[in-house]
PDB file of all heavy atoms in Angstrom:
ATOM      1  N   SER A   1      -4.602 -15.252 -14.713  1.00  0.00           N
ATOM      2  CA  SER A   1      -3.573 -15.357 -15.833  1.00  0.00           C
ATOM      3  C   SER A   1      -4.271 -15.646 -17.139  1.00  0.00           C
ATOM      4  O   SER A   1      -3.806 -15.201 -18.208  1.00  0.00           O
ATOM      5  CB  SER A   1      -2.535 -16.423 -15.498  1.00  0.00           C
ATOM      6  OG  SER A   1      -3.218 -17.708 -15.385  1.00  0.00           O
ATOM      7  N   LYS A   2      -5.351 -16.407 -17.192  1.00  0.00           N
ATOM      8  CA  LYS A   2      -6.081 -16.671 -18.409  1.00  0.00           C
ATOM      9  C   LYS A   2      -6.893 -15.533 -18.852  1.00  0.00           C
ATOM     10  O   LYS A   2      -6.903 -15.148 -20.026  1.00  0.00           O
ATOM     11  CB  LYS A   2      -6.829 -17.961 -18.308  1.00  0.00           C
ATOM     12  CG  LYS A   2      -6.113 -19.252 -17.997  1.00  0.00           C
ATOM     13  CD  LYS A   2      -7.007 -20.451 -17.897  1.00  0.00           C
ATOM     14  CE  LYS A   2      -6.265 -21.735 -17.742  1.00  0.00           C
ATOM     15  NZ  LYS A   2      -7.056 -22.911 -17.619  1.00  0.00           N
ATOM     16  N   ALA A   3      -7.634 -14.902 -17.914  1.00  0.00           N
ATOM     17  CA  ALA A   3      -8.581 -13.849 -18.373  1.00  0.00           C
ATOM     18  C   ALA A   3      -7.770 -12.621 -18.745  1.00  0.00           C
ATOM     19  O   ALA A   3      -8.281 -11.896 -19.610  1.00  0.00           O
ATOM     20  CB  ALA A   3      -9.490 -13.552 -17.161  1.00  0.00           C
ATOM     21  N   VAL A   4      -6.689 -12.393 -18.146  1.00  0.00           N
ATOM     22  CA  VAL A   4      -5.958 -11.089 -18.450  1.00  0.00           C
ATOM     23  C   VAL A   4      -5.493 -11.080 -19.870  1.00  0.00           C
ATOM     24  O   VAL A   4      -5.475  -9.966 -20.468  1.00  0.00           O
ATOM     25  CB  VAL A   4      -4.804 -10.856 -17.403  1.00  0.00           C
ATOM     26  CG1 VAL A   4      -3.655 -11.879 -17.831  1.00  0.00           C
ATOM     27  CG2 VAL A   4      -4.272  -9.520 -17.508  1.00  0.00           C
ATOM     28  N   ALA A   5      -5.229 -12.211 -20.505  1.00  0.00           N
ATOM     29  CA  ALA A   5      -4.721 -12.272 -21.822  1.00  0.00           C
ATOM     30  C   ALA A   5      -5.812 -11.832 -22.833  1.00  0.00           C
ATOM     31  O   ALA A   5      -5.481 -11.429 -23.896  1.00  0.00           O
ATOM     32  CB  ALA A   5      -4.244 -13.682 -22.088  1.00  0.00           C
ATOM     33  N   ALA A   6      -7.108 -11.999 -22.414  1.00  0.00           N
ATOM     34  CA  ALA A   6      -8.225 -11.641 -23.309  1.00  0.00           C
ATOM     35  C   ALA A   6      -8.613 -10.214 -23.213  1.00  0.00           C
ATOM     36  O   ALA A   6      -9.388  -9.780 -24.006  1.00  0.00           O
ATOM     37  CB  ALA A   6      -9.385 -12.547 -22.973  1.00  0.00           C
ATOM     38  N   LEU A   7      -8.057  -9.470 -22.248  1.00  0.00           N
ATOM     39  CA  LEU A   7      -8.461  -8.080 -22.160  1.00  0.00           C
ATOM     40  C   LEU A   7      -7.867  -7.258 -23.322  1.00  0.00           C
ATOM     41  O   LEU A   7      -6.716  -7.528 -23.815  1.00  0.00           O
ATOM     42  CB  LEU A   7      -7.775  -7.443 -20.821  1.00  0.00           C
ATOM     43  CG  LEU A   7      -8.419  -7.932 -19.530  1.00  0.00           C
ATOM     44  CD1 LEU A   7      -7.598  -7.407 -18.338  1.00  0.00           C
ATOM     45  CD2 LEU A   7      -9.836  -7.483 -19.339  1.00  0.00           C
ATOM     46  N   PRO A   8      -8.582  -6.269 -23.790  1.00  0.00           N
ATOM     47  CA  PRO A   8      -8.062  -5.384 -24.836  1.00  0.00           C
ATOM     48  C   PRO A   8      -6.898  -4.547 -24.369  1.00  0.00           C
ATOM     49  O   PRO A   8      -6.643  -4.506 -23.088  1.00  0.00           O
ATOM     50  CB  PRO A   8      -9.313  -4.441 -25.145  1.00  0.00           C
ATOM     51  CG  PRO A   8     -10.120  -4.437 -23.908  1.00  0.00           C
ATOM     52  CD  PRO A   8      -9.891  -5.871 -23.364  1.00  0.00           C
ATOM     53  N   ALA A   9      -6.106  -4.127 -25.245  1.00  0.00           N
ATOM     54  CA  ALA A   9      -4.737  -3.508 -24.863  1.00  0.00           C
ATOM     55  C   ALA A   9      -5.030  -2.343 -23.892  1.00  0.00           C
ATOM     56  O   ALA A   9      -4.200  -1.955 -23.017  1.00  0.00           O
ATOM     57  CB  ALA A   9      -4.096  -3.011 -26.159  1.00  0.00           C
ATOM     58  N   SER A  10      -6.103  -1.606 -24.076  1.00  0.00           N
ATOM     59  CA  SER A  10      -6.373  -0.399 -23.228  1.00  0.00           C
ATOM     60  C   SER A  10      -6.682  -0.745 -21.830  1.00  0.00           C
ATOM     61  O   SER A  10      -6.694   0.115 -20.956  1.00  0.00           O
ATOM     62  CB  SER A  10      -7.513   0.439 -23.846  1.00  0.00           C
ATOM     63  OG  SER A  10      -8.700  -0.379 -24.018  1.00  0.00           O
ATOM     64  N   LEU A  11      -7.058  -1.995 -21.623  1.00  0.00           N
ATOM     65  CA  LEU A  11      -7.425  -2.494 -20.197  1.00  0.00           C
ATOM     66  C   LEU A  11      -6.417  -3.369 -19.581  1.00  0.00           C
ATOM     67  O   LEU A  11      -6.606  -3.847 -18.472  1.00  0.00           O
ATOM     68  CB  LEU A  11      -8.834  -3.084 -20.251  1.00  0.00           C
ATOM     69  CG  LEU A  11     -10.054  -2.244 -20.651  1.00  0.00           C
ATOM     70  CD1 LEU A  11     -11.352  -3.060 -20.629  1.00  0.00           C
ATOM     71  CD2 LEU A  11     -10.198  -1.088 -19.672  1.00  0.00           C
ATOM     72  N   LYS A  12      -5.336  -3.566 -20.339  1.00  0.00           N
ATOM     73  CA  LYS A  12      -4.377  -4.578 -19.630  1.00  0.00           C
ATOM     74  C   LYS A  12      -3.631  -3.909 -18.544  1.00  0.00           C
ATOM     75  O   LYS A  12      -3.339  -2.747 -18.561  1.00  0.00           O
ATOM     76  CB  LYS A  12      -3.292  -5.037 -20.765  1.00  0.00           C
ATOM     77  CG  LYS A  12      -3.894  -5.906 -21.737  1.00  0.00           C
ATOM     78  CD  LYS A  12      -2.887  -6.478 -22.638  1.00  0.00           C
ATOM     79  CE  LYS A  12      -3.378  -7.610 -23.661  1.00  0.00           C
ATOM     80  NZ  LYS A  12      -4.015  -8.685 -22.986  1.00  0.00           N
ATOM     81  N   PRO A  13      -3.365  -4.609 -17.487  1.00  0.00           N
ATOM     82  CA  PRO A  13      -2.691  -4.158 -16.281  1.00  0.00           C
ATOM     83  C   PRO A  13      -1.274  -3.644 -16.618  1.00  0.00           C
ATOM     84  O   PRO A  13      -0.564  -4.171 -17.501  1.00  0.00           O
ATOM     85  CB  PRO A  13      -2.607  -5.274 -15.327  1.00  0.00           C
ATOM     86  CG  PRO A  13      -3.719  -6.264 -15.806  1.00  0.00           C
ATOM     87  CD  PRO A  13      -3.685  -6.059 -17.321  1.00  0.00           C
ATOM     88  N   ASP A  14      -0.798  -2.513 -15.915  1.00  0.00           N
ATOM     89  CA  ASP A  14       0.493  -2.063 -16.066  1.00  0.00           C
ATOM     90  C   ASP A  14       1.325  -1.979 -14.801  1.00  0.00           C
ATOM     91  O   ASP A  14       2.287  -1.317 -14.725  1.00  0.00           O
ATOM     92  CB  ASP A  14       0.488  -0.713 -16.770  1.00  0.00           C
ATOM     93  CG  ASP A  14      -0.279   0.342 -15.940  1.00  0.00           C
ATOM     94  OD1 ASP A  14      -1.020  -0.098 -15.036  1.00  0.00           O
ATOM     95  OD2 ASP A  14      -0.226   1.537 -16.357  1.00  0.00           O
ATOM     96  N   VAL A  15       0.773  -2.693 -13.786  1.00  0.00           N
ATOM     97  CA  VAL A  15       1.463  -2.750 -12.458  1.00  0.00           C
ATOM     98  C   VAL A  15       1.552  -4.244 -12.018  1.00  0.00           C
ATOM     99  O   VAL A  15       0.544  -4.965 -12.230  1.00  0.00           O
ATOM    100  CB  VAL A  15       0.764  -1.857 -11.416  1.00  0.00           C
ATOM    101  CG1 VAL A  15       1.385  -2.189 -10.009  1.00  0.00           C
ATOM    102  CG2 VAL A  15       0.896  -0.364 -11.810  1.00  0.00           C
ATOM    103  N   VAL A  16       2.600  -4.637 -11.443  1.00  0.00           N
ATOM    104  CA  VAL A  16       2.742  -5.992 -10.859  1.00  0.00           C
ATOM    105  C   VAL A  16       3.043  -5.846  -9.342  1.00  0.00           C
ATOM    106  O   VAL A  16       3.966  -5.056  -9.016  1.00  0.00           O
ATOM    107  CB  VAL A  16       3.855  -6.844 -11.559  1.00  0.00           C
ATOM    108  CG1 VAL A  16       4.104  -8.069 -10.781  1.00  0.00           C
ATOM    109  CG2 VAL A  16       3.412  -7.097 -13.033  1.00  0.00           C
ATOM    110  N   LEU A  17       2.287  -6.458  -8.512  1.00  0.00           N
ATOM    111  CA  LEU A  17       2.540  -6.452  -7.120  1.00  0.00           C
ATOM    112  C   LEU A  17       3.188  -7.816  -6.747  1.00  0.00           C
ATOM    113  O   LEU A  17       2.534  -8.816  -6.935  1.00  0.00           O
ATOM    114  CB  LEU A  17       1.251  -6.237  -6.322  1.00  0.00           C
ATOM    115  CG  LEU A  17       0.410  -5.058  -6.699  1.00  0.00           C
ATOM    116  CD1 LEU A  17      -0.918  -4.996  -5.885  1.00  0.00           C
ATOM    117  CD2 LEU A  17       1.160  -3.733  -6.590  1.00  0.00           C
ATOM    118  N   ARG A  18       4.468  -7.774  -6.302  1.00  0.00           N
ATOM    119  CA  ARG A  18       5.146  -8.938  -5.955  1.00  0.00           C
ATOM    120  C   ARG A  18       4.880  -9.333  -4.592  1.00  0.00           C
ATOM    121  O   ARG A  18       5.487  -8.715  -3.679  1.00  0.00           O
ATOM    122  CB  ARG A  18       6.599  -8.897  -6.330  1.00  0.00           C
ATOM    123  CG  ARG A  18       7.366 -10.219  -6.131  1.00  0.00           C
ATOM    124  CD  ARG A  18       8.828  -9.926  -6.708  1.00  0.00           C
ATOM    125  NE  ARG A  18       8.795  -9.599  -8.117  1.00  0.00           N
ATOM    126  CZ  ARG A  18       9.867  -8.982  -8.767  1.00  0.00           C
ATOM    127  NH1 ARG A  18      10.932  -8.571  -8.096  1.00  0.00           N
ATOM    128  NH2 ARG A  18       9.761  -8.875 -10.071  1.00  0.00           N
ATOM    129  N   LEU A  19       4.038 -10.296  -4.306  1.00  0.00           N
ATOM    130  CA  LEU A  19       3.678 -10.643  -2.826  1.00  0.00           C
ATOM    131  C   LEU A  19       4.458 -11.794  -2.391  1.00  0.00           C
ATOM    132  O   LEU A  19       5.307 -12.379  -3.108  1.00  0.00           O
ATOM    133  CB  LEU A  19       2.168 -10.933  -2.907  1.00  0.00           C
ATOM    134  CG  LEU A  19       1.188  -9.890  -3.519  1.00  0.00           C
ATOM    135  CD1 LEU A  19      -0.190 -10.431  -3.446  1.00  0.00           C
ATOM    136  CD2 LEU A  19       1.470  -8.581  -2.890  1.00  0.00           C
ATOM    137  N   ALA A  20       4.153 -12.239  -1.165  1.00  0.00           N
ATOM    138  CA  ALA A  20       4.958 -13.283  -0.563  1.00  0.00           C
ATOM    139  C   ALA A  20       4.669 -14.670  -1.162  1.00  0.00           C
ATOM    140  O   ALA A  20       5.467 -15.515  -1.301  1.00  0.00           O
ATOM    141  CB  ALA A  20       4.572 -13.444   0.888  1.00  0.00           C
ATOM    142  N   ASP A  21       3.378 -14.799  -1.757  1.00  0.00           N
ATOM    143  CA  ASP A  21       3.014 -16.194  -2.241  1.00  0.00           C
ATOM    144  C   ASP A  21       2.588 -16.056  -3.747  1.00  0.00           C
ATOM    145  O   ASP A  21       2.312 -17.181  -4.324  1.00  0.00           O
ATOM    146  CB  ASP A  21       1.925 -16.689  -1.492  1.00  0.00           C
ATOM    147  CG  ASP A  21       0.721 -15.739  -1.206  1.00  0.00           C
ATOM    148  OD1 ASP A  21       0.847 -14.576  -1.606  1.00  0.00           O
ATOM    149  OD2 ASP A  21      -0.223 -16.108  -0.562  1.00  0.00           O
ATOM    150  N   ARG A  22       2.585 -15.012  -4.409  1.00  0.00           N
ATOM    151  CA  ARG A  22       2.298 -14.897  -5.836  1.00  0.00           C
ATOM    152  C   ARG A  22       2.479 -13.501  -6.301  1.00  0.00           C
ATOM    153  O   ARG A  22       2.839 -12.523  -5.511  1.00  0.00           O
ATOM    154  CB  ARG A  22       0.882 -15.323  -6.077  1.00  0.00           C
ATOM    155  CG  ARG A  22      -0.233 -14.370  -5.485  1.00  0.00           C
ATOM    156  CD  ARG A  22      -1.631 -14.752  -5.856  1.00  0.00           C
ATOM    157  NE  ARG A  22      -1.860 -14.416  -7.262  1.00  0.00           N
ATOM    158  CZ  ARG A  22      -3.021 -14.580  -7.796  1.00  0.00           C
ATOM    159  NH1 ARG A  22      -4.041 -15.105  -7.160  1.00  0.00           N
ATOM    160  NH2 ARG A  22      -3.220 -14.199  -9.095  1.00  0.00           N
ATOM    161  N   GLU A  23       2.390 -13.290  -7.650  1.00  0.00           N
ATOM    162  CA  GLU A  23       2.405 -11.969  -8.207  1.00  0.00           C
ATOM    163  C   GLU A  23       1.067 -11.628  -8.735  1.00  0.00           C
ATOM    164  O   GLU A  23       0.374 -12.487  -9.344  1.00  0.00           O
ATOM    165  CB  GLU A  23       3.430 -11.926  -9.390  1.00  0.00           C
ATOM    166  CG  GLU A  23       4.865 -11.952  -8.959  1.00  0.00           C
ATOM    167  CD  GLU A  23       5.879 -11.696 -10.061  1.00  0.00           C
ATOM    168  OE1 GLU A  23       5.429 -11.594 -11.228  1.00  0.00           O
ATOM    169  OE2 GLU A  23       7.081 -11.703  -9.859  1.00  0.00           O
ATOM    170  N   VAL A  24       0.690 -10.368  -8.495  1.00  0.00           N
ATOM    171  CA  VAL A  24      -0.741  -9.902  -8.891  1.00  0.00           C
ATOM    172  C   VAL A  24      -0.598  -8.805  -9.823  1.00  0.00           C
ATOM    173  O   VAL A  24       0.219  -7.799  -9.597  1.00  0.00           O
ATOM    174  CB  VAL A  24      -1.470  -9.616  -7.599  1.00  0.00           C
ATOM    175  CG1 VAL A  24      -2.945  -9.047  -8.032  1.00  0.00           C
ATOM    176  CG2 VAL A  24      -1.647 -10.743  -6.748  1.00  0.00           C
ATOM    177  N   LYS A  25      -1.349  -8.697 -10.849  1.00  0.00           N
ATOM    178  CA  LYS A  25      -1.333  -7.569 -11.779  1.00  0.00           C
ATOM    179  C   LYS A  25      -2.509  -6.496 -11.386  1.00  0.00           C
ATOM    180  O   LYS A  25      -3.595  -6.951 -10.955  1.00  0.00           O
ATOM    181  CB  LYS A  25      -1.502  -7.967 -13.245  1.00  0.00           C
ATOM    182  CG  LYS A  25      -0.379  -8.836 -13.644  1.00  0.00           C
ATOM    183  CD  LYS A  25      -0.489  -9.427 -15.102  1.00  0.00           C
ATOM    184  CE  LYS A  25       0.689 -10.164 -15.553  1.00  0.00           C
ATOM    185  NZ  LYS A  25       0.596 -10.626 -16.898  1.00  0.00           N
ATOM    186  N   ALA A  26      -2.296  -5.298 -11.658  1.00  0.00           N
ATOM    187  CA  ALA A  26      -3.224  -4.245 -11.371  1.00  0.00           C
ATOM    188  C   ALA A  26      -3.083  -3.095 -12.307  1.00  0.00           C
ATOM    189  O   ALA A  26      -2.173  -3.082 -13.246  1.00  0.00           O
ATOM    190  CB  ALA A  26      -3.098  -3.716  -9.969  1.00  0.00           C
ATOM    191  N   HIS A  27      -3.814  -2.071 -12.161  1.00  0.00           N
ATOM    192  CA  HIS A  27      -3.849  -0.933 -13.091  1.00  0.00           C
ATOM    193  C   HIS A  27      -3.423   0.347 -12.378  1.00  0.00           C
ATOM    194  O   HIS A  27      -4.041   0.803 -11.387  1.00  0.00           O
ATOM    195  CB  HIS A  27      -5.286  -0.745 -13.744  1.00  0.00           C
ATOM    196  CG  HIS A  27      -5.830  -1.826 -14.381  1.00  0.00           C
ATOM    197  ND1 HIS A  27      -6.398  -2.961 -13.788  1.00  0.00           N
ATOM    198  CD2 HIS A  27      -5.802  -2.159 -15.784  1.00  0.00           C
ATOM    199  CE1 HIS A  27      -6.791  -3.811 -14.645  1.00  0.00           C
ATOM    200  NE2 HIS A  27      -6.411  -3.415 -15.851  1.00  0.00           N
ATOM    201  N   SER A  28      -2.440   0.998 -12.833  1.00  0.00           N
ATOM    202  CA  SER A  28      -1.935   2.166 -12.222  1.00  0.00           C
ATOM    203  C   SER A  28      -2.993   3.384 -12.119  1.00  0.00           C
ATOM    204  O   SER A  28      -2.995   4.058 -11.137  1.00  0.00           O
ATOM    205  CB  SER A  28      -0.649   2.657 -12.966  1.00  0.00           C
ATOM    206  OG  SER A  28      -1.036   3.111 -14.319  1.00  0.00           O
ATOM    207  N   VAL A  29      -3.754   3.474 -13.211  1.00  0.00           N
ATOM    208  CA  VAL A  29      -4.806   4.510 -13.154  1.00  0.00           C
ATOM    209  C   VAL A  29      -5.802   4.320 -12.066  1.00  0.00           C
ATOM    210  O   VAL A  29      -6.259   5.353 -11.439  1.00  0.00           O
ATOM    211  CB  VAL A  29      -5.532   4.572 -14.508  1.00  0.00           C
ATOM    212  CG1 VAL A  29      -6.339   3.281 -14.709  1.00  0.00           C
ATOM    213  CG2 VAL A  29      -6.379   5.796 -14.636  1.00  0.00           C
ATOM    214  N   VAL A  30      -6.063   3.091 -11.604  1.00  0.00           N
ATOM    215  CA  VAL A  30      -6.994   2.783 -10.499  1.00  0.00           C
ATOM    216  C   VAL A  30      -6.276   3.018  -9.165  1.00  0.00           C
ATOM    217  O   VAL A  30      -6.779   3.651  -8.299  1.00  0.00           O
ATOM    218  CB  VAL A  30      -7.616   1.370 -10.522  1.00  0.00           C
ATOM    219  CG1 VAL A  30      -8.437   1.182  -9.392  1.00  0.00           C
ATOM    220  CG2 VAL A  30      -8.364   1.268 -11.840  1.00  0.00           C
ATOM    221  N   LEU A  31      -5.016   2.417  -9.101  1.00  0.00           N
ATOM    222  CA  LEU A  31      -4.253   2.512  -7.810  1.00  0.00           C
ATOM    223  C   LEU A  31      -3.998   3.938  -7.457  1.00  0.00           C
ATOM    224  O   LEU A  31      -4.190   4.338  -6.305  1.00  0.00           O
ATOM    225  CB  LEU A  31      -2.960   1.786  -8.049  1.00  0.00           C
ATOM    226  CG  LEU A  31      -3.057   0.224  -8.199  1.00  0.00           C
ATOM    227  CD1 LEU A  31      -1.742  -0.397  -8.337  1.00  0.00           C
ATOM    228  CD2 LEU A  31      -3.823  -0.466  -7.161  1.00  0.00           C
ATOM    229  N   ARG A  32      -3.565   4.835  -8.465  1.00  0.00           N
ATOM    230  CA  ARG A  32      -3.267   6.164  -8.105  1.00  0.00           C
ATOM    231  C   ARG A  32      -4.415   7.024  -7.818  1.00  0.00           C
ATOM    232  O   ARG A  32      -4.357   8.045  -7.083  1.00  0.00           O
ATOM    233  CB  ARG A  32      -2.293   6.786  -9.076  1.00  0.00           C
ATOM    234  CG  ARG A  32      -2.966   6.909 -10.431  1.00  0.00           C
ATOM    235  CD  ARG A  32      -1.855   7.372 -11.436  1.00  0.00           C
ATOM    236  NE  ARG A  32      -2.476   7.492 -12.830  1.00  0.00           N
ATOM    237  CZ  ARG A  32      -1.646   7.680 -13.876  1.00  0.00           C
ATOM    238  NH1 ARG A  32      -0.317   7.778 -13.750  1.00  0.00           N
ATOM    239  NH2 ARG A  32      -2.191   7.888 -15.018  1.00  0.00           N
ATOM    240  N   ALA A  33      -5.444   6.664  -8.378  1.00  0.00           N
ATOM    241  CA  ALA A  33      -6.788   7.403  -8.119  1.00  0.00           C
ATOM    242  C   ALA A  33      -7.405   7.128  -6.765  1.00  0.00           C
ATOM    243  O   ALA A  33      -8.075   7.951  -6.128  1.00  0.00           O
ATOM    244  CB  ALA A  33      -7.728   7.187  -9.167  1.00  0.00           C
ATOM    245  N   ARG A  34      -7.151   5.871  -6.184  1.00  0.00           N
ATOM    246  CA  ARG A  34      -7.851   5.537  -4.981  1.00  0.00           C
ATOM    247  C   ARG A  34      -6.920   5.146  -3.912  1.00  0.00           C
ATOM    248  O   ARG A  34      -7.411   4.877  -2.824  1.00  0.00           O
ATOM    249  CB  ARG A  34      -8.612   4.153  -5.387  1.00  0.00           C
ATOM    250  CG  ARG A  34      -9.701   4.294  -6.365  1.00  0.00           C
ATOM    251  CD  ARG A  34     -11.054   4.699  -5.727  1.00  0.00           C
ATOM    252  NE  ARG A  34     -11.428   3.572  -4.895  1.00  0.00           N
ATOM    253  CZ  ARG A  34     -11.941   3.658  -3.693  1.00  0.00           C
ATOM    254  NH1 ARG A  34     -12.110   4.899  -3.141  1.00  0.00           N
ATOM    255  NH2 ARG A  34     -12.301   2.620  -2.976  1.00  0.00           N
ATOM    256  N   CYS A  35      -5.563   5.331  -4.075  1.00  0.00           N
ATOM    257  CA  CYS A  35      -4.652   4.907  -3.088  1.00  0.00           C
ATOM    258  C   CYS A  35      -3.542   6.006  -3.000  1.00  0.00           C
ATOM    259  O   CYS A  35      -2.755   6.129  -3.914  1.00  0.00           O
ATOM    260  CB  CYS A  35      -4.089   3.588  -3.254  1.00  0.00           C
ATOM    261  SG  CYS A  35      -2.884   3.025  -2.050  1.00  0.00           S
ATOM    262  N   THR A  36      -3.415   6.695  -1.895  1.00  0.00           N
ATOM    263  CA  THR A  36      -2.447   7.777  -1.707  1.00  0.00           C
ATOM    264  C   THR A  36      -0.996   7.325  -1.869  1.00  0.00           C
ATOM    265  O   THR A  36      -0.163   8.034  -2.464  1.00  0.00           O
ATOM    266  CB  THR A  36      -2.567   8.417  -0.317  1.00  0.00           C
ATOM    267  OG1 THR A  36      -3.962   8.933  -0.153  1.00  0.00           O
ATOM    268  CG2 THR A  36      -1.663   9.632  -0.149  1.00  0.00           C
ATOM    269  N   PHE A  37      -0.816   6.097  -1.379  1.00  0.00           N
ATOM    270  CA  PHE A  37       0.543   5.484  -1.450  1.00  0.00           C
ATOM    271  C   PHE A  37       1.125   5.407  -2.845  1.00  0.00           C
ATOM    272  O   PHE A  37       2.154   5.852  -3.189  1.00  0.00           O
ATOM    273  CB  PHE A  37       0.512   4.088  -0.854  1.00  0.00           C
ATOM    274  CG  PHE A  37       1.770   3.342  -0.840  1.00  0.00           C
ATOM    275  CD1 PHE A  37       2.714   3.415   0.140  1.00  0.00           C
ATOM    276  CD2 PHE A  37       2.132   2.423  -1.998  1.00  0.00           C
ATOM    277  CE1 PHE A  37       3.954   2.698   0.125  1.00  0.00           C
ATOM    278  CE2 PHE A  37       3.322   1.774  -1.970  1.00  0.00           C
ATOM    279  CZ  PHE A  37       4.223   1.822  -0.962  1.00  0.00           C
ATOM    280  N   PHE A  38       0.167   4.819  -3.740  1.00  0.00           N
ATOM    281  CA  PHE A  38       0.587   4.820  -5.119  1.00  0.00           C
ATOM    282  C   PHE A  38       0.602   6.100  -5.840  1.00  0.00           C
ATOM    283  O   PHE A  38       1.295   6.380  -6.774  1.00  0.00           O
ATOM    284  CB  PHE A  38      -0.294   3.733  -5.854  1.00  0.00           C
ATOM    285  CG  PHE A  38      -0.031   2.321  -5.476  1.00  0.00           C
ATOM    286  CD1 PHE A  38      -0.965   1.664  -4.581  1.00  0.00           C
ATOM    287  CD2 PHE A  38       1.041   1.632  -5.926  1.00  0.00           C
ATOM    288  CE1 PHE A  38      -0.721   0.409  -4.281  1.00  0.00           C
ATOM    289  CE2 PHE A  38       1.293   0.356  -5.414  1.00  0.00           C
ATOM    290  CZ  PHE A  38       0.369  -0.252  -4.640  1.00  0.00           C
ATOM    291  N   ALA A  39      -0.398   7.007  -5.453  1.00  0.00           N
ATOM    292  CA  ALA A  39      -0.495   8.272  -6.083  1.00  0.00           C
ATOM    293  C   ALA A  39       0.819   9.088  -5.918  1.00  0.00           C
ATOM    294  O   ALA A  39       1.194   9.853  -6.803  1.00  0.00           O
ATOM    295  CB  ALA A  39      -1.635   9.054  -5.491  1.00  0.00           C
ATOM    296  N   MET A  40       1.424   8.975  -4.701  1.00  0.00           N
ATOM    297  CA  MET A  40       2.670   9.661  -4.462  1.00  0.00           C
ATOM    298  C   MET A  40       3.810   9.310  -5.451  1.00  0.00           C
ATOM    299  O   MET A  40       4.570  10.091  -5.893  1.00  0.00           O
ATOM    300  CB  MET A  40       3.080   9.507  -3.039  1.00  0.00           C
ATOM    301  CG  MET A  40       2.159  10.240  -2.081  1.00  0.00           C
ATOM    302  SD  MET A  40       2.851  10.265  -0.354  1.00  0.00           S
ATOM    303  CE  MET A  40       3.002   8.475  -0.089  1.00  0.00           C
ATOM    304  N   PHE A  41       3.924   7.951  -5.708  1.00  0.00           N
ATOM    305  CA  PHE A  41       4.888   7.501  -6.654  1.00  0.00           C
ATOM    306  C   PHE A  41       4.642   7.910  -8.086  1.00  0.00           C
ATOM    307  O   PHE A  41       5.477   8.418  -8.718  1.00  0.00           O
ATOM    308  CB  PHE A  41       4.934   5.886  -6.520  1.00  0.00           C
ATOM    309  CG  PHE A  41       5.586   5.430  -5.321  1.00  0.00           C
ATOM    310  CD1 PHE A  41       4.882   4.621  -4.436  1.00  0.00           C
ATOM    311  CD2 PHE A  41       6.871   5.815  -4.887  1.00  0.00           C
ATOM    312  CE1 PHE A  41       5.416   4.127  -3.270  1.00  0.00           C
ATOM    313  CE2 PHE A  41       7.489   5.333  -3.771  1.00  0.00           C
ATOM    314  CZ  PHE A  41       6.784   4.441  -2.933  1.00  0.00           C
ATOM    315  N   PHE A  42       3.377   7.746  -8.533  1.00  0.00           N
ATOM    316  CA  PHE A  42       3.073   7.999  -9.869  1.00  0.00           C
ATOM    317  C   PHE A  42       2.975   9.485 -10.218  1.00  0.00           C
ATOM    318  O   PHE A  42       2.772   9.915 -11.331  1.00  0.00           O
ATOM    319  CB  PHE A  42       1.813   7.242 -10.348  1.00  0.00           C
ATOM    320  CG  PHE A  42       2.000   5.801 -10.537  1.00  0.00           C
ATOM    321  CD1 PHE A  42       1.460   4.959  -9.573  1.00  0.00           C
ATOM    322  CD2 PHE A  42       2.721   5.280 -11.573  1.00  0.00           C
ATOM    323  CE1 PHE A  42       1.667   3.565  -9.741  1.00  0.00           C
ATOM    324  CE2 PHE A  42       2.937   3.945 -11.814  1.00  0.00           C
ATOM    325  CZ  PHE A  42       2.366   3.015 -10.809  1.00  0.00           C
ATOM    326  N   ALA A  43       2.845  10.310  -9.065  1.00  0.00           N
ATOM    327  CA  ALA A  43       2.731  11.754  -9.281  1.00  0.00           C
ATOM    328  C   ALA A  43       4.168  12.340  -9.908  1.00  0.00           C
ATOM    329  O   ALA A  43       4.102  13.422 -10.556  1.00  0.00           O
ATOM    330  CB  ALA A  43       2.487  12.500  -8.002  1.00  0.00           C
ATOM    331  N   ASP A  44       5.171  11.534  -9.798  1.00  0.00           N
ATOM    332  CA  ASP A  44       6.471  11.998 -10.299  1.00  0.00           C
ATOM    333  C   ASP A  44       6.673  11.205 -11.636  1.00  0.00           C
ATOM    334  O   ASP A  44       7.031  10.034 -11.611  1.00  0.00           O
ATOM    335  CB  ASP A  44       7.609  11.649  -9.304  1.00  0.00           C
ATOM    336  CG  ASP A  44       8.953  12.140  -9.747  1.00  0.00           C
ATOM    337  OD1 ASP A  44       9.073  12.639 -10.971  1.00  0.00           O
ATOM    338  OD2 ASP A  44       9.951  12.070  -8.981  1.00  0.00           O
TER     339      ASP A  44
END
């Protein structure tokens, strides 16, 4: 949570994964490039 605030705007996460014990931020450009599950959603 502290380090993400220091990221430049172009590198800030644009996805939140709501888990059982916490929320995690990630990047859609990485998720859809490396994971078919997310690629199917972001393809539309």
